[in-house]
Amino acid sequence: MAIANTTNNTASQRRKINIFSDFDGTISMQDTGHILFDTYGCGTEARNKLDEQIKSGERSFREASEEMWGSLHIPFDDGFKVMEKTLEMDPGFREFHQYCVDNGFPFHVISAGLKPVLRRVLDSFLGPDSSAAIDIVANDAIIHPDGSEWKPIWRHDTDLGHDKALSVNEARIAAAATCLPDEIPLIIFIGDGVSDLAAASQADVLFARRGLRLEEYCREHDIAFTPFDTFADIKTEIEKISAEDQSKTGGVGKPVRYNPRANLWRRISSKEAVPTLIAAATPSKEEKMFLWPETFSDYKPKTIQEDEELVVAA
């Protein structure tokens, strides 16, 4: 793991910890959508074919996902029964979440999945009261009571449907607005796959599930991260981060769990401002998503006029 040093100016400030986590493959050990598609929808073979089309670029994530969710024709409650039998949660997550609550660390789930599905899983696993304390940043959905239609309502007008980097950055700005003069937001992101790269680009501290694609990518590109097997490992590391702040030991020459790539991303205001070292090479699709998620996903924010038209239509 790469470790960077900060200056006394940065270390003299307390860091206000905000935690973001992917859901599928990170908090849950399987993908919630895959369980539903394979059991009640298009089936494993068709789903694998659509996944390959996403990877090859033949179809966008959003387009293929709409087809997968559209293949479901089962009432929500009936569809959830298979997840109660099949879905496994990270064994350390329950304790980790309680640790966040006890210490006042805001915990957000950030996902390309559907918010109603994720909320139901968390309600079932943690109980409705504990689940309600978790902010879920995901796509919404229209699910007809008779199960005749499952339609994603995408957060953003992009090929990905949900620009995770934009969502994390919005939360960073909101957190900064509530900070005391001697505080700065510290963004922690937890993930498992390449789809998490855009959000990871906004993280000061990055945790990658051991043995999966996000860890592999970070090692290949020398990106600072901490591998984890369960959320119990993450709890231990965050306890160390919190202790460093309290003891003010993060000065010059002292190791700090920090991802300098995140600061690089925030300094880049456009593709033209990219450092020479990076511009000299042709960035891969994954690297483009990491460095310029707002460009890679072609985010098109709605104009005021469009928002007014939407309200009128409603």
C-alpha atoms as a PDB file:
ATOM      1  CA  MET A   1       0.000   0.000   0.000  1.00  0.00           C
ATOM      2  CA  ALA A   2       1.331   3.425  -0.907  1.00  0.00           C
ATOM      3  CA  ILE A   3       1.563   5.853   2.032  1.00  0.00           C
ATOM      4  CA  ALA A   4       1.889   9.603   1.672  1.00  0.00           C
ATOM      5  CA  ASN A   5       2.958  12.334   4.081  1.00  0.00           C
ATOM      6  CA  THR A   6       1.120  15.571   4.704  1.00  0.00           C
ATOM      7  CA  THR A   7       2.295  18.922   6.020  1.00  0.00           C
ATOM      8  CA  ASN A   8       1.752  20.408   9.448  1.00  0.00           C
ATOM      9  CA  ASN A   9      -0.994  22.645   8.021  1.00  0.00           C
ATOM     10  CA  THR A  10      -3.083  19.617   7.083  1.00  0.00           C
ATOM     11  CA  ALA A  11      -2.161  17.591  10.156  1.00  0.00           C
ATOM     12  CA  SER A  12      -3.067  20.428  12.534  1.00  0.00           C
ATOM     13  CA  GLN A  13      -6.729  20.101  11.580  1.00  0.00           C
ATOM     14  CA  ARG A  14      -9.077  17.460  12.923  1.00  0.00           C
ATOM     15  CA  ARG A  15     -10.608  15.347  10.200  1.00  0.00           C
ATOM     16  CA  LYS A  16     -14.386  14.962  10.238  1.00  0.00           C
ATOM     17  CA  ILE A  17     -14.873  11.368   9.136  1.00  0.00           C
ATOM     18  CA  ASN A  18     -17.555  10.576   6.537  1.00  0.00           C
ATOM     19  CA  ILE A  19     -17.837   6.980   5.338  1.00  0.00           C
ATOM     20  CA  PHE A  20     -19.172   5.782   1.982  1.00  0.00           C
ATOM     21  CA  SER A  21     -19.556   2.156   0.979  1.00  0.00           C
ATOM     22  CA  ASP A  22     -20.576   0.293  -2.119  1.00  0.00           C
ATOM     23  CA  PHE A  23     -23.240  -2.325  -1.423  1.00  0.00           C
ATOM     24  CA  ASP A  24     -23.212  -5.269  -3.842  1.00  0.00           C
ATOM     25  CA  GLY A  25     -20.079  -7.350  -3.292  1.00  0.00           C
ATOM     26  CA  THR A  26     -18.966  -5.066  -0.461  1.00  0.00           C
ATOM     27  CA  ILE A  27     -21.608  -5.017   2.282  1.00  0.00           C
ATOM     28  CA  SER A  28     -23.381  -8.008   0.741  1.00  0.00           C
ATOM     29  CA  MET A  29     -21.284 -10.855  -0.565  1.00  0.00           C
ATOM     30  CA  GLN A  30     -23.407 -11.276  -3.691  1.00  0.00           C
ATOM     31  CA  ASP A  31     -25.056  -8.854  -6.094  1.00  0.00           C
ATOM     32  CA  THR A  32     -28.713  -8.251  -5.159  1.00  0.00           C
ATOM     33  CA  GLY A  33     -29.722  -7.623  -8.768  1.00  0.00           C
ATOM     34  CA  HIS A  34     -27.997 -10.767 -10.020  1.00  0.00           C
ATOM     35  CA  ILE A  35     -29.907 -12.886  -7.523  1.00  0.00           C
ATOM     36  CA  LEU A  36     -33.211 -11.463  -8.750  1.00  0.00           C
ATOM     37  CA  PHE A  37     -32.347 -11.663 -12.468  1.00  0.00           C
ATOM     38  CA  ASP A  38     -31.033 -15.218 -12.265  1.00  0.00           C
ATOM     39  CA  THR A  39     -34.022 -16.471 -10.272  1.00  0.00           C
ATOM     40  CA  TYR A  40     -37.002 -14.516 -11.592  1.00  0.00           C
ATOM     41  CA  GLY A  41     -35.835 -12.560 -14.617  1.00  0.00           C
ATOM     42  CA  CYS A  42     -33.737 -13.035 -17.741  1.00  0.00           C
ATOM     43  CA  GLY A  43     -31.696 -15.885 -16.234  1.00  0.00           C
ATOM     44  CA  THR A  44     -27.977 -16.392 -15.680  1.00  0.00           C
ATOM     45  CA  GLU A  45     -27.019 -16.966 -19.315  1.00  0.00           C
ATOM     46  CA  ALA A  46     -28.732 -13.827 -20.622  1.00  0.00           C
ATOM     47  CA  ARG A  47     -27.462 -11.775 -17.697  1.00  0.00           C
ATOM     48  CA  ASN A  48     -23.868 -12.911 -18.330  1.00  0.00           C
ATOM     49  CA  LYS A  49     -24.241 -11.945 -22.000  1.00  0.00           C
ATOM     50  CA  LEU A  50     -25.459  -8.486 -21.045  1.00  0.00           C
ATOM     51  CA  ASP A  51     -22.584  -8.105 -18.567  1.00  0.00           C
ATOM     52  CA  GLU A  52     -20.117  -8.920 -21.353  1.00  0.00           C
ATOM     53  CA  GLN A  53     -21.739  -6.317 -23.603  1.00  0.00           C
ATOM     54  CA  ILE A  54     -21.234  -3.745 -20.848  1.00  0.00           C
ATOM     55  CA  LYS A  55     -17.569  -4.685 -20.436  1.00  0.00           C
ATOM     56  CA  SER A  56     -16.926  -4.564 -24.186  1.00  0.00           C
ATOM     57  CA  GLY A  57     -18.644  -1.192 -24.537  1.00  0.00           C
ATOM     58  CA  GLU A  58     -21.227  -2.594 -26.943  1.00  0.00           C
ATOM     59  CA  ARG A  59     -23.967  -1.395 -24.616  1.00  0.00           C
ATOM     60  CA  SER A  60     -23.978   1.101 -21.764  1.00  0.00           C
ATOM     61  CA  PHE A  61     -24.447  -0.002 -18.166  1.00  0.00           C
ATOM     62  CA  ARG A  62     -27.687   1.944 -18.046  1.00  0.00           C
ATOM     63  CA  GLU A  63     -29.139   0.385 -21.207  1.00  0.00           C
ATOM     64  CA  ALA A  64     -28.250  -3.187 -20.258  1.00  0.00           C
ATOM     65  CA  SER A  65     -29.433  -2.695 -16.677  1.00  0.00           C
ATOM     66  CA  GLU A  66     -32.814  -1.443 -17.853  1.00  0.00           C
ATOM     67  CA  GLU A  67     -33.203  -4.668 -19.832  1.00  0.00           C
ATOM     68  CA  MET A  68     -32.254  -6.787 -16.816  1.00  0.00           C
ATOM     69  CA  TRP A  69     -34.581  -4.991 -14.406  1.00  0.00           C
ATOM     70  CA  GLY A  70     -37.292  -4.979 -17.084  1.00  0.00           C
ATOM     71  CA  SER A  71     -37.106  -8.776 -17.264  1.00  0.00           C
ATOM     72  CA  LEU A  72     -38.584  -9.052 -13.756  1.00  0.00           C
ATOM     73  CA  HIS A  73     -42.322  -9.710 -13.517  1.00  0.00           C
ATOM     74  CA  ILE A  74     -42.819 -10.598  -9.878  1.00  0.00           C
ATOM     75  CA  PRO A  75     -44.237  -8.628  -6.936  1.00  0.00           C
ATOM     76  CA  PHE A  76     -41.556  -6.998  -4.792  1.00  0.00           C
ATOM     77  CA  ASP A  77     -42.340  -8.985  -1.638  1.00  0.00           C
ATOM     78  CA  ASP A  78     -42.274 -12.284  -3.530  1.00  0.00           C
ATOM     79  CA  GLY A  79     -38.980 -11.392  -5.180  1.00  0.00           C
ATOM     80  CA  PHE A  80     -37.411 -10.558  -1.846  1.00  0.00           C
ATOM     81  CA  LYS A  81     -38.004 -14.069  -0.489  1.00  0.00           C
ATOM     82  CA  VAL A  82     -35.099 -15.482  -2.516  1.00  0.00           C
ATOM     83  CA  MET A  83     -32.745 -12.876  -1.063  1.00  0.00           C
ATOM     84  CA  GLU A  84     -33.738 -13.799   2.468  1.00  0.00           C
ATOM     85  CA  LYS A  85     -32.588 -17.345   1.650  1.00  0.00           C
ATOM     86  CA  THR A  86     -29.576 -16.575  -0.540  1.00  0.00           C
ATOM     87  CA  LEU A  87     -27.989 -13.221   0.285  1.00  0.00           C
ATOM     88  CA  GLU A  88     -25.036 -13.236   2.680  1.00  0.00           C
ATOM     89  CA  MET A  89     -23.866 -10.096   4.452  1.00  0.00           C
ATOM     90  CA  ASP A  90     -20.312  -9.272   5.480  1.00  0.00           C
ATOM     91  CA  PRO A  91     -19.897 -10.827   8.950  1.00  0.00           C
ATOM     92  CA  GLY A  92     -18.387  -7.666  10.406  1.00  0.00           C
ATOM     93  CA  PHE A  93     -20.834  -5.166   8.979  1.00  0.00           C
ATOM     94  CA  ARG A  94     -23.394  -5.090  11.807  1.00  0.00           C
ATOM     95  CA  GLU A  95     -20.737  -4.299  14.420  1.00  0.00           C
ATOM     96  CA  PHE A  96     -19.062  -1.792  12.104  1.00  0.00           C
ATOM     97  CA  HIS A  97     -22.300   0.086  11.537  1.00  0.00           C
ATOM     98  CA  GLN A  98     -22.948   0.284  15.271  1.00  0.00           C
ATOM     99  CA  TYR A  99     -19.395   1.594  15.717  1.00  0.00           C
ATOM    100  CA  CYS A 100     -20.174   4.389  13.227  1.00  0.00           C
ATOM    101  CA  VAL A 101     -23.388   5.254  15.070  1.00  0.00           C
ATOM    102  CA  ASP A 102     -21.652   5.278  18.460  1.00  0.00           C
ATOM    103  CA  ASN A 103     -18.904   7.606  17.195  1.00  0.00           C
ATOM    104  CA  GLY A 104     -21.076   9.916  15.129  1.00  0.00           C
ATOM    105  CA  PHE A 105     -19.500   8.970  11.793  1.00  0.00           C
ATOM    106  CA  PRO A 106     -22.050   9.522   8.975  1.00  0.00           C
ATOM    107  CA  PHE A 107     -22.367   6.277   6.991  1.00  0.00           C
ATOM    108  CA  HIS A 108     -23.651   6.311   3.418  1.00  0.00           C
ATOM    109  CA  VAL A 109     -24.370   3.453   1.025  1.00  0.00           C
ATOM    110  CA  ILE A 110     -23.544   4.503  -2.531  1.00  0.00           C
ATOM    111  CA  SER A 111     -24.713   2.116  -5.219  1.00  0.00           C
ATOM    112  CA  ALA A 112     -25.597   1.638  -8.870  1.00  0.00           C
ATOM    113  CA  GLY A 113     -28.468  -0.570  -7.686  1.00  0.00           C
ATOM    114  CA  LEU A 114     -32.050   0.259  -6.738  1.00  0.00           C
ATOM    115  CA  LYS A 115     -32.722   2.065  -3.473  1.00  0.00           C
ATOM    116  CA  PRO A 116     -35.940   0.152  -2.576  1.00  0.00           C
ATOM    117  CA  VAL A 117     -34.101  -3.179  -2.853  1.00  0.00           C
ATOM    118  CA  LEU A 118     -31.131  -2.042  -0.755  1.00  0.00           C
ATOM    119  CA  ARG A 119     -33.368  -0.459   1.887  1.00  0.00           C
ATOM    120  CA  ARG A 120     -35.367  -3.676   2.228  1.00  0.00           C
ATOM    121  CA  VAL A 121     -32.168  -5.705   2.669  1.00  0.00           C
ATOM    122  CA  LEU A 122     -30.860  -3.340   5.357  1.00  0.00           C
ATOM    123  CA  ASP A 123     -34.247  -3.246   7.111  1.00  0.00           C
ATOM    124  CA  SER A 124     -34.223  -7.026   7.238  1.00  0.00           C
ATOM    125  CA  PHE A 125     -30.596  -7.360   8.347  1.00  0.00           C
ATOM    126  CA  LEU A 126     -30.232  -4.471  10.806  1.00  0.00           C
ATOM    127  CA  GLY A 127     -33.843  -3.755  11.692  1.00  0.00           C
ATOM    128  CA  PRO A 128     -35.828  -0.731  10.434  1.00  0.00           C
ATOM    129  CA  ASP A 129     -34.573   1.668  13.133  1.00  0.00           C
ATOM    130  CA  SER A 130     -30.865   0.992  12.529  1.00  0.00           C
ATOM    131  CA  SER A 131     -31.401   0.895   8.779  1.00  0.00           C
ATOM    132  CA  ALA A 132     -33.059   4.320   8.849  1.00  0.00           C
ATOM    133  CA  ALA A 133     -29.793   5.842  10.120  1.00  0.00           C
ATOM    134  CA  ILE A 134     -28.050   4.877   6.859  1.00  0.00           C
ATOM    135  CA  ASP A 135     -28.209   7.294   3.952  1.00  0.00           C
ATOM    136  CA  ILE A 136     -28.688   5.331   0.716  1.00  0.00           C
ATOM    137  CA  VAL A 137     -27.469   7.143  -2.395  1.00  0.00           C
ATOM    138  CA  ALA A 138     -28.727   4.986  -5.266  1.00  0.00           C
ATOM    139  CA  ASN A 139     -31.156   4.921  -8.168  1.00  0.00           C
ATOM    140  CA  ASP A 140     -34.837   4.953  -7.342  1.00  0.00           C
ATOM    141  CA  ALA A 141     -37.387   2.719  -9.050  1.00  0.00           C
ATOM    142  CA  ILE A 142     -40.993   2.277 -10.099  1.00  0.00           C
ATOM    143  CA  ILE A 143     -42.111  -1.217  -9.069  1.00  0.00           C
ATOM    144  CA  HIS A 144     -45.762  -2.005  -9.767  1.00  0.00           C
ATOM    145  CA  PRO A 145     -47.585  -3.810  -6.939  1.00  0.00           C
ATOM    146  CA  ASP A 146     -48.415  -6.753  -9.219  1.00  0.00           C
ATOM    147  CA  GLY A 147     -44.792  -7.002 -10.370  1.00  0.00           C
ATOM    148  CA  SER A 148     -45.643  -6.217 -13.986  1.00  0.00           C
ATOM    149  CA  GLU A 149     -42.953  -3.543 -14.206  1.00  0.00           C
ATOM    150  CA  TRP A 150     -39.575  -2.873 -12.568  1.00  0.00           C
ATOM    151  CA  LYS A 151     -38.262   0.418 -13.952  1.00  0.00           C
ATOM    152  CA  PRO A 152     -35.104   2.171 -12.667  1.00  0.00           C
ATOM    153  CA  ILE A 153     -35.303   5.922 -12.092  1.00  0.00           C
ATOM    154  CA  TRP A 154     -31.714   6.978 -12.712  1.00  0.00           C
ATOM    155  CA  ARG A 155     -30.076   9.601 -10.518  1.00  0.00           C
ATOM    156  CA  HIS A 156     -28.101  11.154 -13.357  1.00  0.00           C
ATOM    157  CA  ASP A 157     -28.446  11.529 -17.101  1.00  0.00           C
ATOM    158  CA  THR A 158     -25.366   9.455 -17.913  1.00  0.00           C
ATOM    159  CA  ASP A 159     -24.507   6.095 -19.452  1.00  0.00           C
ATOM    160  CA  LEU A 160     -23.835   4.835 -15.923  1.00  0.00           C
ATOM    161  CA  GLY A 161     -27.137   6.090 -14.527  1.00  0.00           C
ATOM    162  CA  HIS A 162     -25.492   7.071 -11.239  1.00  0.00           C
ATOM    163  CA  ASP A 163     -22.320   9.170 -11.218  1.00  0.00           C
ATOM    164  CA  LYS A 164     -20.895   7.989  -7.898  1.00  0.00           C
ATOM    165  CA  ALA A 165     -18.058  10.538  -7.986  1.00  0.00           C
ATOM    166  CA  LEU A 166     -20.566  13.370  -8.276  1.00  0.00           C
ATOM    167  CA  SER A 167     -22.575  12.003  -5.351  1.00  0.00           C
ATOM    168  CA  VAL A 168     -19.512  11.652  -3.115  1.00  0.00           C
ATOM    169  CA  ASN A 169     -18.272  15.122  -4.028  1.00  0.00           C
ATOM    170  CA  GLU A 170     -21.689  16.619  -3.263  1.00  0.00           C
ATOM    171  CA  ALA A 171     -21.548  14.992   0.165  1.00  0.00           C
ATOM    172  CA  ARG A 172     -18.006  16.317   0.699  1.00  0.00           C
ATOM    173  CA  ILE A 173     -19.198  19.873   0.009  1.00  0.00           C
ATOM    174  CA  ALA A 174     -22.159  19.413   2.354  1.00  0.00           C
ATOM    175  CA  ALA A 175     -19.865  18.008   5.076  1.00  0.00           C
ATOM    176  CA  ALA A 176     -17.429  20.909   4.677  1.00  0.00           C
ATOM    177  CA  ALA A 177     -20.283  23.367   5.214  1.00  0.00           C
ATOM    178  CA  THR A 178     -20.963  21.858   8.655  1.00  0.00           C
ATOM    179  CA  CYS A 179     -17.321  21.649   9.766  1.00  0.00           C
ATOM    180  CA  LEU A 180     -15.888  23.729  12.601  1.00  0.00           C
ATOM    181  CA  PRO A 181     -12.931  26.038  11.777  1.00  0.00           C
ATOM    182  CA  ASP A 182     -10.376  23.395  12.854  1.00  0.00           C
ATOM    183  CA  GLU A 183     -12.059  20.537  10.964  1.00  0.00           C
ATOM    184  CA  ILE A 184     -11.860  19.239   7.408  1.00  0.00           C
ATOM    185  CA  PRO A 185     -13.982  16.448   5.877  1.00  0.00           C
ATOM    186  CA  LEU A 186     -12.198  13.103   5.608  1.00  0.00           C
ATOM    187  CA  ILE A 187     -13.886  10.932   2.987  1.00  0.00           C
ATOM    188  CA  ILE A 188     -13.504   7.167   3.396  1.00  0.00           C
ATOM    189  CA  PHE A 189     -14.687   4.910   0.585  1.00  0.00           C
ATOM    190  CA  ILE A 190     -15.147   1.124   0.726  1.00  0.00           C
ATOM    191  CA  GLY A 191     -15.576  -0.909  -2.454  1.00  0.00           C
ATOM    192  CA  ASP A 192     -14.773  -4.031  -4.407  1.00  0.00           C
ATOM    193  CA  GLY A 193     -14.859  -3.471  -8.182  1.00  0.00           C
ATOM    194  CA  VAL A 194     -13.889  -1.258 -11.089  1.00  0.00           C
ATOM    195  CA  SER A 195     -17.358   0.308 -11.014  1.00  0.00           C
ATOM    196  CA  ASP A 196     -16.251   1.927  -7.734  1.00  0.00           C
ATOM    197  CA  LEU A 197     -13.269   3.718  -9.302  1.00  0.00           C
ATOM    198  CA  ALA A 198     -15.086   6.994  -9.957  1.00  0.00           C
ATOM    199  CA  ALA A 199     -16.193   7.247  -6.322  1.00  0.00           C
ATOM    200  CA  ALA A 200     -12.776   6.074  -5.139  1.00  0.00           C
ATOM    201  CA  SER A 201     -11.225   9.047  -6.957  1.00  0.00           C
ATOM    202  CA  GLN A 202     -12.981  11.289  -4.424  1.00  0.00           C
ATOM    203  CA  ALA A 203     -11.791   9.364  -1.351  1.00  0.00           C
ATOM    204  CA  ASP A 204      -9.030  10.431   1.005  1.00  0.00           C
ATOM    205  CA  VAL A 205      -8.857   6.898   2.401  1.00  0.00           C
ATOM    206  CA  LEU A 206      -9.734   3.914   0.225  1.00  0.00           C
ATOM    207  CA  PHE A 207     -10.546   0.360   1.335  1.00  0.00           C
ATOM    208  CA  ALA A 208     -10.675  -2.373  -1.322  1.00  0.00           C
ATOM    209  CA  ARG A 209     -12.008  -5.873  -0.693  1.00  0.00           C
ATOM    210  CA  ARG A 210      -9.089  -8.263  -0.870  1.00  0.00           C
ATOM    211  CA  GLY A 211      -8.749 -10.432  -3.965  1.00  0.00           C
ATOM    212  CA  LEU A 212     -11.181  -8.513  -6.182  1.00  0.00           C
ATOM    213  CA  ARG A 213     -10.809  -6.133  -9.117  1.00  0.00           C
ATOM    214  CA  LEU A 214     -10.568  -2.829  -7.220  1.00  0.00           C
ATOM    215  CA  GLU A 215      -7.590  -4.096  -5.212  1.00  0.00           C
ATOM    216  CA  GLU A 216      -5.983  -5.444  -8.383  1.00  0.00           C
ATOM    217  CA  TYR A 217      -6.444  -2.131 -10.196  1.00  0.00           C
ATOM    218  CA  CYS A 218      -5.007  -0.136  -7.276  1.00  0.00           C
ATOM    219  CA  ARG A 219      -1.903  -2.334  -7.192  1.00  0.00           C
ATOM    220  CA  GLU A 220      -1.454  -2.062 -10.960  1.00  0.00           C
ATOM    221  CA  HIS A 221      -1.639   1.750 -10.861  1.00  0.00           C
ATOM    222  CA  ASP A 222       0.078   2.409  -7.513  1.00  0.00           C
ATOM    223  CA  ILE A 223      -3.020   3.912  -5.907  1.00  0.00           C
ATOM    224  CA  ALA A 224      -2.953   4.168  -2.117  1.00  0.00           C
ATOM    225  CA  PHE A 225      -5.457   1.784  -0.502  1.00  0.00           C
ATOM    226  CA  THR A 226      -5.952  -0.622   2.379  1.00  0.00           C
ATOM    227  CA  PRO A 227      -7.151  -4.164   1.616  1.00  0.00           C
ATOM    228  CA  PHE A 228      -9.826  -5.720   3.817  1.00  0.00           C
ATOM    229  CA  ASP A 229     -11.435  -9.110   4.305  1.00  0.00           C
ATOM    230  CA  THR A 230     -14.345  -8.020   6.504  1.00  0.00           C
ATOM    231  CA  PHE A 231     -15.682  -4.779   7.936  1.00  0.00           C
ATOM    232  CA  ALA A 232     -13.983  -5.739  11.201  1.00  0.00           C
ATOM    233  CA  ASP A 233     -10.656  -4.940   9.474  1.00  0.00           C
ATOM    234  CA  ILE A 234     -11.994  -1.534   8.411  1.00  0.00           C
ATOM    235  CA  LYS A 235     -13.162  -0.776  11.955  1.00  0.00           C
ATOM    236  CA  THR A 236      -9.642  -1.434  13.262  1.00  0.00           C
ATOM    237  CA  GLU A 237      -8.078   0.908  10.689  1.00  0.00           C
ATOM    238  CA  ILE A 238     -10.588   3.709  11.300  1.00  0.00           C
ATOM    239  CA  GLU A 239      -9.925   3.428  15.032  1.00  0.00           C
ATOM    240  CA  LYS A 240      -6.255   4.098  14.220  1.00  0.00           C
ATOM    241  CA  ILE A 241      -7.156   7.090  12.044  1.00  0.00           C
ATOM    242  CA  SER A 242      -9.336   8.521  14.799  1.00  0.00           C
ATOM    243  CA  ALA A 243      -6.574   7.969  17.381  1.00  0.00           C
ATOM    244  CA  GLU A 244      -4.080   9.799  15.155  1.00  0.00           C
ATOM    245  CA  ASP A 245      -6.361  12.816  15.039  1.00  0.00           C
ATOM    246  CA  GLN A 246      -6.904  12.833  18.778  1.00  0.00           C
ATOM    247  CA  SER A 247      -3.192  12.589  19.540  1.00  0.00           C
ATOM    248  CA  LYS A 248      -2.192  14.996  16.735  1.00  0.00           C
ATOM    249  CA  THR A 249       0.515  12.601  15.497  1.00  0.00           C
ATOM    250  CA  GLY A 250      -0.031  13.176  11.790  1.00  0.00           C
ATOM    251  CA  GLY A 251       2.792  15.707  11.361  1.00  0.00           C
ATOM    252  CA  VAL A 252       5.763  15.804   9.021  1.00  0.00           C
ATOM    253  CA  GLY A 253       7.439  12.447   8.688  1.00  0.00           C
ATOM    254  CA  LYS A 254       4.525  10.565  10.223  1.00  0.00           C
ATOM    255  CA  PRO A 255       2.534   8.151   8.027  1.00  0.00           C
ATOM    256  CA  VAL A 256      -1.017   9.173   7.231  1.00  0.00           C
ATOM    257  CA  ARG A 257      -3.601   6.914   5.575  1.00  0.00           C
ATOM    258  CA  TYR A 258      -4.209   9.218   2.652  1.00  0.00           C
ATOM    259  CA  ASN A 259      -4.848   8.826  -1.033  1.00  0.00           C
ATOM    260  CA  PRO A 260      -2.977  11.605  -2.907  1.00  0.00           C
ATOM    261  CA  ARG A 261      -4.822  10.668  -6.137  1.00  0.00           C
ATOM    262  CA  ALA A 262      -7.990  12.151  -4.631  1.00  0.00           C
ATOM    263  CA  ASN A 263      -6.295  15.501  -4.129  1.00  0.00           C
ATOM    264  CA  LEU A 264      -4.957  15.298  -7.684  1.00  0.00           C
ATOM    265  CA  TRP A 265      -8.490  14.818  -9.030  1.00  0.00           C
ATOM    266  CA  ARG A 266      -9.772  17.826  -7.095  1.00  0.00           C
ATOM    267  CA  ARG A 267      -6.970  20.032  -8.471  1.00  0.00           C
ATOM    268  CA  ILE A 268      -7.764  19.159 -12.075  1.00  0.00           C
ATOM    269  CA  SER A 269     -10.372  21.558 -13.415  1.00  0.00           C
ATOM    270  CA  SER A 270     -10.406  20.179 -16.968  1.00  0.00           C
ATOM    271  CA  LYS A 271      -8.879  17.581 -19.261  1.00  0.00           C
ATOM    272  CA  GLU A 272      -6.484  20.286 -20.501  1.00  0.00           C
ATOM    273  CA  ALA A 273      -5.079  20.665 -16.983  1.00  0.00           C
ATOM    274  CA  VAL A 274      -4.040  17.014 -16.695  1.00  0.00           C
ATOM    275  CA  PRO A 275      -0.383  16.589 -15.618  1.00  0.00           C
ATOM    276  CA  THR A 276       2.187  15.892 -18.338  1.00  0.00           C
ATOM    277  CA  LEU A 277       3.000  12.446 -16.967  1.00  0.00           C
ATOM    278  CA  ILE A 278      -0.588  11.313 -17.417  1.00  0.00           C
ATOM    279  CA  ALA A 279      -1.163  13.138 -20.689  1.00  0.00           C
ATOM    280  CA  ALA A 280       1.892  11.461 -22.221  1.00  0.00           C
ATOM    281  CA  ALA A 281       0.123   8.109 -22.208  1.00  0.00           C
ATOM    282  CA  THR A 282      -3.225   7.189 -23.698  1.00  0.00           C
ATOM    283  CA  PRO A 283      -5.458   6.586 -20.660  1.00  0.00           C
ATOM    284  CA  SER A 284      -7.502   3.412 -20.567  1.00  0.00           C
ATOM    285  CA  LYS A 285     -11.282   3.454 -20.170  1.00  0.00           C
ATOM    286  CA  GLU A 286     -10.831   2.649 -16.483  1.00  0.00           C
ATOM    287  CA  GLU A 287      -8.299   5.462 -16.024  1.00  0.00           C
ATOM    288  CA  LYS A 288     -10.608   7.963 -17.742  1.00  0.00           C
ATOM    289  CA  MET A 289     -13.394   6.955 -15.361  1.00  0.00           C
ATOM    290  CA  PHE A 290     -11.029   7.397 -12.407  1.00  0.00           C
ATOM    291  CA  LEU A 291      -9.546  10.757 -13.386  1.00  0.00           C
ATOM    292  CA  TRP A 292     -12.512  12.437 -15.072  1.00  0.00           C
ATOM    293  CA  PRO A 293     -15.711  10.682 -13.975  1.00  0.00           C
ATOM    294  CA  GLU A 294     -17.832  13.693 -14.851  1.00  0.00           C
ATOM    295  CA  THR A 295     -16.462  13.623 -18.414  1.00  0.00           C
ATOM    296  CA  PHE A 296     -16.332   9.854 -18.835  1.00  0.00           C
ATOM    297  CA  SER A 297     -19.985   9.515 -17.856  1.00  0.00           C
ATOM    298  CA  ASP A 298     -20.953  12.586 -19.917  1.00  0.00           C
ATOM    299  CA  TYR A 299     -23.012  14.027 -17.064  1.00  0.00           C
ATOM    300  CA  LYS A 300     -25.608  16.520 -18.267  1.00  0.00           C
ATOM    301  CA  PRO A 301     -27.116  18.470 -15.365  1.00  0.00           C
ATOM    302  CA  LYS A 302     -30.661  19.667 -15.989  1.00  0.00           C
ATOM    303  CA  THR A 303     -31.168  23.333 -16.705  1.00  0.00           C
ATOM    304  CA  ILE A 304     -33.542  25.460 -14.632  1.00  0.00           C
ATOM    305  CA  GLN A 305     -35.987  25.446 -17.537  1.00  0.00           C
ATOM    306  CA  GLU A 306     -35.873  21.644 -17.770  1.00  0.00           C
ATOM    307  CA  ASP A 307     -36.469  21.347 -13.995  1.00  0.00           C
ATOM    308  CA  GLU A 308     -39.487  23.684 -14.282  1.00  0.00           C
ATOM    309  CA  GLU A 309     -40.876  21.665 -17.193  1.00  0.00           C
ATOM    310  CA  LEU A 310     -40.463  18.480 -15.146  1.00  0.00           C
ATOM    311  CA  VAL A 311     -42.373  19.967 -12.220  1.00  0.00           C
ATOM    312  CA  VAL A 312     -45.184  21.119 -14.532  1.00  0.00           C
ATOM    313  CA  ALA A 313     -45.359  17.669 -16.122  1.00  0.00           C
ATOM    314  CA  ALA A 314     -45.655  16.090 -12.679  1.00  0.00           C
END
